[in-house]
Amino acid sequence: VQLQASGGGLVQAGGSLRLSCAALGSIASINNMGWYRRAPRYQGELVARITSDGATYYDEFVKGRFTISRDNAKTTMYLQMNSLKPEDTDVYYCYYIASGFSTWGQGTLVTVSS
């Protein structure tokens, strides 16, 4: 299942963006999917993760500001980003892990101006 990320852009500090990750196929059975920031080969950071039953995990630096969700019917995962800070500026990648293999979408750039 391929992933297509979108929704990045330029926003002022304190603003909001919603990232989308559209899957070209069903995601209902995918138990581990989420968002990283910065290319994973450069030791990217896990931002948020969501399981197939909706359990979520957030990194400390986004907890309370970002919300991850998924719509299995629309085969899309979202990352609602509120109260954005300049240090949130980065390239964000969506991913999923299934059967021991990871699949990544292309990055979407988020730029937060001060």
Protein backbone atom coordinates (compact mmCIF):
# COMPACT_ATOMS: atom_id res chain seq x y z
CA VAL A 1 0.00 0.00 0.00
CA GLN A 2 1.57 3.28 -1.11
CA LEU A 3 1.30 6.46 0.97
CA GLN A 4 0.91 10.05 -0.21
CA ALA A 5 1.48 12.84 2.29
CA SER A 6 0.16 16.35 1.89
CA GLY A 7 -0.83 19.42 3.86
CA GLY A 8 2.49 21.01 4.66
CA GLY A 9 3.07 24.71 4.18
CA LEU A 10 4.10 27.98 5.75
CA VAL A 11 2.36 29.14 8.90
CA GLN A 12 3.04 31.67 11.62
CA ALA A 13 3.91 30.57 15.12
CA GLY A 14 0.76 29.72 17.02
CA GLY A 15 -1.03 28.67 13.87
CA SER A 16 -2.32 25.29 12.75
CA LEU A 17 -1.89 22.85 9.90
CA ARG A 18 -3.41 19.48 9.15
CA LEU A 19 -1.26 16.89 7.43
CA SER A 20 -2.91 14.08 5.52
CA CYS A 21 -1.49 10.72 4.52
CA ALA A 22 -3.61 9.01 1.90
CA ALA A 23 -3.09 5.32 1.37
CA LEU A 24 -3.65 3.69 -2.01
CA GLY A 25 -5.36 0.73 -0.41
CA SER A 26 -6.95 -0.41 2.80
CA ILE A 27 -5.35 0.57 6.09
CA ALA A 28 -7.89 -1.08 8.36
CA SER A 29 -5.57 -3.92 9.35
CA ILE A 30 -2.44 -1.80 9.76
CA ASN A 31 -1.62 -1.70 13.44
CA ASN A 32 1.34 0.65 13.41
CA MET A 33 1.24 3.84 11.40
CA GLY A 34 2.25 7.35 12.16
CA TRP A 35 4.40 10.36 11.46
CA TYR A 36 8.12 11.00 11.70
CA ARG A 37 9.85 14.25 11.16
CA ARG A 38 13.06 14.50 9.20
CA ALA A 39 14.24 11.74 6.92
CA PRO A 40 14.33 8.50 8.92
CA ARG A 41 17.76 7.60 7.55
CA TYR A 42 19.05 10.64 9.41
CA GLN A 43 17.69 9.33 12.68
CA GLY A 44 14.36 11.03 12.38
CA GLU A 45 12.10 11.51 15.34
CA LEU A 46 8.80 9.73 15.85
CA VAL A 47 6.17 12.43 16.23
CA ALA A 48 3.03 10.34 16.74
CA ARG A 49 1.75 6.84 16.17
CA ILE A 50 -1.70 5.25 16.03
CA THR A 51 -2.76 1.63 16.19
CA SER A 52 -5.58 -0.10 14.36
CA ASP A 53 -7.84 0.25 17.40
CA GLY A 54 -7.07 3.94 17.79
CA ALA A 55 -4.51 3.90 20.59
CA THR A 56 -2.09 6.78 20.21
CA TYR A 57 1.42 7.73 21.20
CA TYR A 58 2.95 11.21 21.08
CA ASP A 59 6.45 12.45 21.53
CA GLU A 60 6.81 14.78 24.48
CA PHE A 61 7.51 17.84 22.34
CA VAL A 62 4.12 17.60 20.58
CA LYS A 63 1.92 16.17 23.31
CA GLY A 64 -1.08 18.41 23.87
CA ARG A 65 -0.54 20.26 20.58
CA PHE A 66 -0.75 17.57 17.89
CA THR A 67 -3.48 15.00 17.35
CA ILE A 68 -3.13 11.92 15.20
CA SER A 69 -6.19 10.22 13.77
CA ARG A 70 -7.18 7.82 11.04
CA ASP A 71 -10.22 7.29 8.88
CA ASN A 72 -10.15 3.72 7.67
CA ALA A 73 -13.10 4.28 5.33
CA LYS A 74 -11.18 7.07 3.60
CA THR A 75 -7.89 5.15 3.92
CA THR A 76 -6.33 8.32 5.29
CA MET A 77 -4.35 9.22 8.38
CA TYR A 78 -4.15 12.77 9.71
CA LEU A 79 -1.94 14.86 11.93
CA GLN A 80 -3.64 17.96 13.29
CA MET A 81 -0.91 20.36 14.37
CA ASN A 82 -1.95 23.22 16.64
CA SER A 83 0.02 25.87 18.50
CA LEU A 84 2.88 25.44 16.08
CA LYS A 85 6.32 26.62 17.08
CA PRO A 86 9.30 27.58 14.91
CA GLU A 87 11.09 24.48 16.17
CA ASP A 88 8.35 22.36 14.58
CA THR A 89 9.76 23.37 11.19
CA ASP A 90 10.78 20.17 9.45
CA VAL A 91 9.91 17.66 6.79
CA TYR A 92 7.22 15.27 8.02
CA TYR A 93 6.91 11.72 6.73
CA CYS A 94 4.06 9.27 7.21
CA TYR A 95 4.77 5.58 7.48
CA TYR A 96 3.30 2.24 8.35
CA ILE A 97 4.76 -1.07 9.43
CA ALA A 98 3.24 -4.36 8.40
CA SER A 99 4.65 -7.87 8.36
CA GLY A 100 7.96 -6.52 9.56
CA PHE A 101 8.37 -4.09 6.67
CA SER A 102 8.03 -0.32 6.68
CA THR A 103 6.53 1.81 3.94
CA TRP A 104 7.07 5.56 3.76
CA GLY A 105 5.30 8.38 2.05
CA GLN A 106 7.12 11.30 0.54
CA GLY A 107 7.86 14.12 2.94
CA THR A 108 5.77 17.22 3.33
CA LEU A 109 7.51 20.39 4.46
CA VAL A 110 6.16 22.34 7.42
CA THR A 111 7.64 25.80 7.97
CA VAL A 112 6.70 27.80 11.04
CA SER A 113 7.76 31.43 11.04
CA SER A 114 8.36 33.35 14.25
